Structure formats: C-alpha cells, structure tokens
C-alpha cells in the first residue's frame, strides 16, 4: 500500500476561516476580522490562510489590541498579514 499524503482542501479551509472571522463574539473583532475576510478572503494565498488561522486562534481582545497597537504583538503573531489587517478599514 503506497504512502499517501492527504491533500489540503484550501477552499474548505477558506470557507471555515471566513466563518470563524465573522463570528468572534467581540463586535469590534467581528467588524475588522469578518470584514477583512469578506473582502480579502477569496484572494488569500495558502500561506496567508495558515497565518490567518493561526491569528484567529488568539483571544479576540488580544487581536484587537495588536491591530490597534495598544499591546505589543508576540513574534509568532506578527506576520505581514497583521499589517494588512491594520490597514483595513471596515465599512460600517
């Protein structure tokens, strides 16, 4: 039996990521992360999807504080994607 490496279904991961970004439970995070996912999600590369998934694993209030620069960002959460989130302006 040959060894098989499971393929990654990026479209399913992208859809799951979009859902997670929209329903955070913290309105400000919902607006920023959900709006960013809605606008940029379809164009995220596989590396960016992984970075965004990792970022969404953090606490909402921490993510918001990192985006607003009120808390220092731990090195493992400071990818280029965070800069794109900081530049994003949600439409309200």
C-alpha atoms as a PDB file:
ATOM      1  CA  UNK A   1       0.000   0.000   0.000  1.00  0.00           C
ATOM      2  CA  UNK A   2       1.627   3.268  -1.085  1.00  0.00           C
ATOM      3  CA  UNK A   3       2.080   6.085   1.370  1.00  0.00           C
ATOM      4  CA  UNK A   4      -0.355   8.820   0.582  1.00  0.00           C
ATOM      5  CA  UNK A   5      -0.234  12.384   1.749  1.00  0.00           C
ATOM      6  CA  UNK A   6      -3.683  13.858   2.230  1.00  0.00           C
ATOM      7  CA  UNK A   7      -4.325  16.853   0.031  1.00  0.00           C
ATOM      8  CA  UNK A   8      -5.365  20.070   1.653  1.00  0.00           C
ATOM      9  CA  UNK A   9      -8.737  21.352   0.585  1.00  0.00           C
ATOM     10  CA  UNK A  10      -7.918  25.060   0.592  1.00  0.00           C
ATOM     11  CA  UNK A  11     -11.414  26.107  -0.440  1.00  0.00           C
ATOM     12  CA  UNK A  12     -12.979  24.366   2.563  1.00  0.00           C
ATOM     13  CA  UNK A  13     -10.380  25.894   4.876  1.00  0.00           C
ATOM     14  CA  UNK A  14     -11.013  29.317   3.343  1.00  0.00           C
ATOM     15  CA  UNK A  15     -14.785  28.986   3.971  1.00  0.00           C
ATOM     16  CA  UNK A  16     -14.219  27.833   7.553  1.00  0.00           C
ATOM     17  CA  UNK A  17     -11.845  30.747   8.084  1.00  0.00           C
ATOM     18  CA  UNK A  18     -14.426  33.210   6.749  1.00  0.00           C
ATOM     19  CA  UNK A  19     -16.997  31.869   9.214  1.00  0.00           C
ATOM     20  CA  UNK A  20     -14.575  31.995  12.162  1.00  0.00           C
ATOM     21  CA  UNK A  21     -13.616  35.579  11.297  1.00  0.00           C
ATOM     22  CA  UNK A  22     -17.257  36.747  11.237  1.00  0.00           C
ATOM     23  CA  UNK A  23     -18.436  35.191  14.497  1.00  0.00           C
ATOM     24  CA  UNK A  24     -15.856  36.093  17.129  1.00  0.00           C
ATOM     25  CA  UNK A  25     -18.191  37.273  19.894  1.00  0.00           C
ATOM     26  CA  UNK A  26     -16.490  40.658  20.207  1.00  0.00           C
ATOM     27  CA  UNK A  27     -18.167  43.198  17.926  1.00  0.00           C
ATOM     28  CA  UNK A  28     -15.039  45.181  17.062  1.00  0.00           C
ATOM     29  CA  UNK A  29     -13.178  41.984  16.160  1.00  0.00           C
ATOM     30  CA  UNK A  30     -16.174  40.794  14.125  1.00  0.00           C
ATOM     31  CA  UNK A  31     -16.144  44.025  12.115  1.00  0.00           C
ATOM     32  CA  UNK A  32     -12.422  44.030  11.428  1.00  0.00           C
ATOM     33  CA  UNK A  33     -11.704  40.323  11.028  1.00  0.00           C
ATOM     34  CA  UNK A  34     -15.001  39.478   9.352  1.00  0.00           C
ATOM     35  CA  UNK A  35     -14.831  42.472   7.021  1.00  0.00           C
ATOM     36  CA  UNK A  36     -11.239  41.657   6.119  1.00  0.00           C
ATOM     37  CA  UNK A  37     -12.152  38.030   5.454  1.00  0.00           C
ATOM     38  CA  UNK A  38     -15.110  39.049   3.299  1.00  0.00           C
ATOM     39  CA  UNK A  39     -13.033  41.473   1.239  1.00  0.00           C
ATOM     40  CA  UNK A  40      -9.692  39.632   1.054  1.00  0.00           C
ATOM     41  CA  UNK A  41     -10.556  36.001   1.876  1.00  0.00           C
ATOM     42  CA  UNK A  42     -11.073  34.877  -1.710  1.00  0.00           C
ATOM     43  CA  UNK A  43      -7.604  36.146  -2.627  1.00  0.00           C
ATOM     44  CA  UNK A  44      -5.621  34.798   0.343  1.00  0.00           C
ATOM     45  CA  UNK A  45      -2.750  32.515  -0.565  1.00  0.00           C
ATOM     46  CA  UNK A  46      -2.383  29.165   1.230  1.00  0.00           C
ATOM     47  CA  UNK A  47       0.369  30.705   3.417  1.00  0.00           C
ATOM     48  CA  UNK A  48      -1.902  33.616   4.318  1.00  0.00           C
ATOM     49  CA  UNK A  49      -4.746  31.229   5.124  1.00  0.00           C
ATOM     50  CA  UNK A  50      -2.445  29.421   7.561  1.00  0.00           C
ATOM     51  CA  UNK A  51      -1.340  32.744   9.107  1.00  0.00           C
ATOM     52  CA  UNK A  52      -4.938  33.932   9.448  1.00  0.00           C
ATOM     53  CA  UNK A  53      -5.993  30.610  11.013  1.00  0.00           C
ATOM     54  CA  UNK A  54      -3.141  30.918  13.497  1.00  0.00           C
ATOM     55  CA  UNK A  55      -4.079  34.509  14.317  1.00  0.00           C
ATOM     56  CA  UNK A  56      -7.731  33.552  14.871  1.00  0.00           C
ATOM     57  CA  UNK A  57      -6.537  31.082  17.498  1.00  0.00           C
ATOM     58  CA  UNK A  58      -5.618  34.029  19.737  1.00  0.00           C
ATOM     59  CA  UNK A  59      -8.018  35.812  22.082  1.00  0.00           C
ATOM     60  CA  UNK A  60     -10.242  38.444  20.466  1.00  0.00           C
ATOM     61  CA  UNK A  61      -9.224  41.239  22.810  1.00  0.00           C
ATOM     62  CA  UNK A  62      -5.544  40.500  22.165  1.00  0.00           C
ATOM     63  CA  UNK A  63      -6.048  40.520  18.388  1.00  0.00           C
ATOM     64  CA  UNK A  64      -7.884  43.827  18.613  1.00  0.00           C
ATOM     65  CA  UNK A  65      -5.144  45.298  20.818  1.00  0.00           C
ATOM     66  CA  UNK A  66      -2.459  44.151  18.359  1.00  0.00           C
ATOM     67  CA  UNK A  67      -4.340  45.694  15.438  1.00  0.00           C
ATOM     68  CA  UNK A  68      -4.837  48.987  17.308  1.00  0.00           C
ATOM     69  CA  UNK A  69      -1.245  48.861  18.600  1.00  0.00           C
ATOM     70  CA  UNK A  70      -2.257  49.091  22.256  1.00  0.00           C
ATOM     71  CA  UNK A  71      -0.398  45.860  23.106  1.00  0.00           C
ATOM     72  CA  UNK A  72       2.888  44.597  21.715  1.00  0.00           C
ATOM     73  CA  UNK A  73       2.491  41.736  19.265  1.00  0.00           C
ATOM     74  CA  UNK A  74       4.205  38.445  20.113  1.00  0.00           C
ATOM     75  CA  UNK A  75       6.650  37.496  17.360  1.00  0.00           C
ATOM     76  CA  UNK A  76       4.655  34.412  16.366  1.00  0.00           C
ATOM     77  CA  UNK A  77       1.600  36.622  15.649  1.00  0.00           C
ATOM     78  CA  UNK A  78       3.338  39.399  13.734  1.00  0.00           C
ATOM     79  CA  UNK A  79       3.133  38.232  10.137  1.00  0.00           C
ATOM     80  CA  UNK A  80       2.725  40.576   7.154  1.00  0.00           C
ATOM     81  CA  UNK A  81      -0.954  39.657   7.282  1.00  0.00           C
ATOM     82  CA  UNK A  82      -1.290  41.615  10.547  1.00  0.00           C
ATOM     83  CA  UNK A  83      -0.094  44.745   8.740  1.00  0.00           C
ATOM     84  CA  UNK A  84      -2.799  44.218   6.131  1.00  0.00           C
ATOM     85  CA  UNK A  85      -5.357  43.895   8.947  1.00  0.00           C
ATOM     86  CA  UNK A  86      -4.103  47.130  10.477  1.00  0.00           C
ATOM     87  CA  UNK A  87      -4.519  48.921   7.149  1.00  0.00           C
ATOM     88  CA  UNK A  88      -8.017  47.516   6.585  1.00  0.00           C
ATOM     89  CA  UNK A  89     -10.913  49.897   7.179  1.00  0.00           C
ATOM     90  CA  UNK A  90     -14.244  48.104   7.588  1.00  0.00           C
ATOM     91  CA  UNK A  91     -17.366  49.678   6.185  1.00  0.00           C
ATOM     92  CA  UNK A  92     -19.907  50.114   8.919  1.00  0.00           C
END
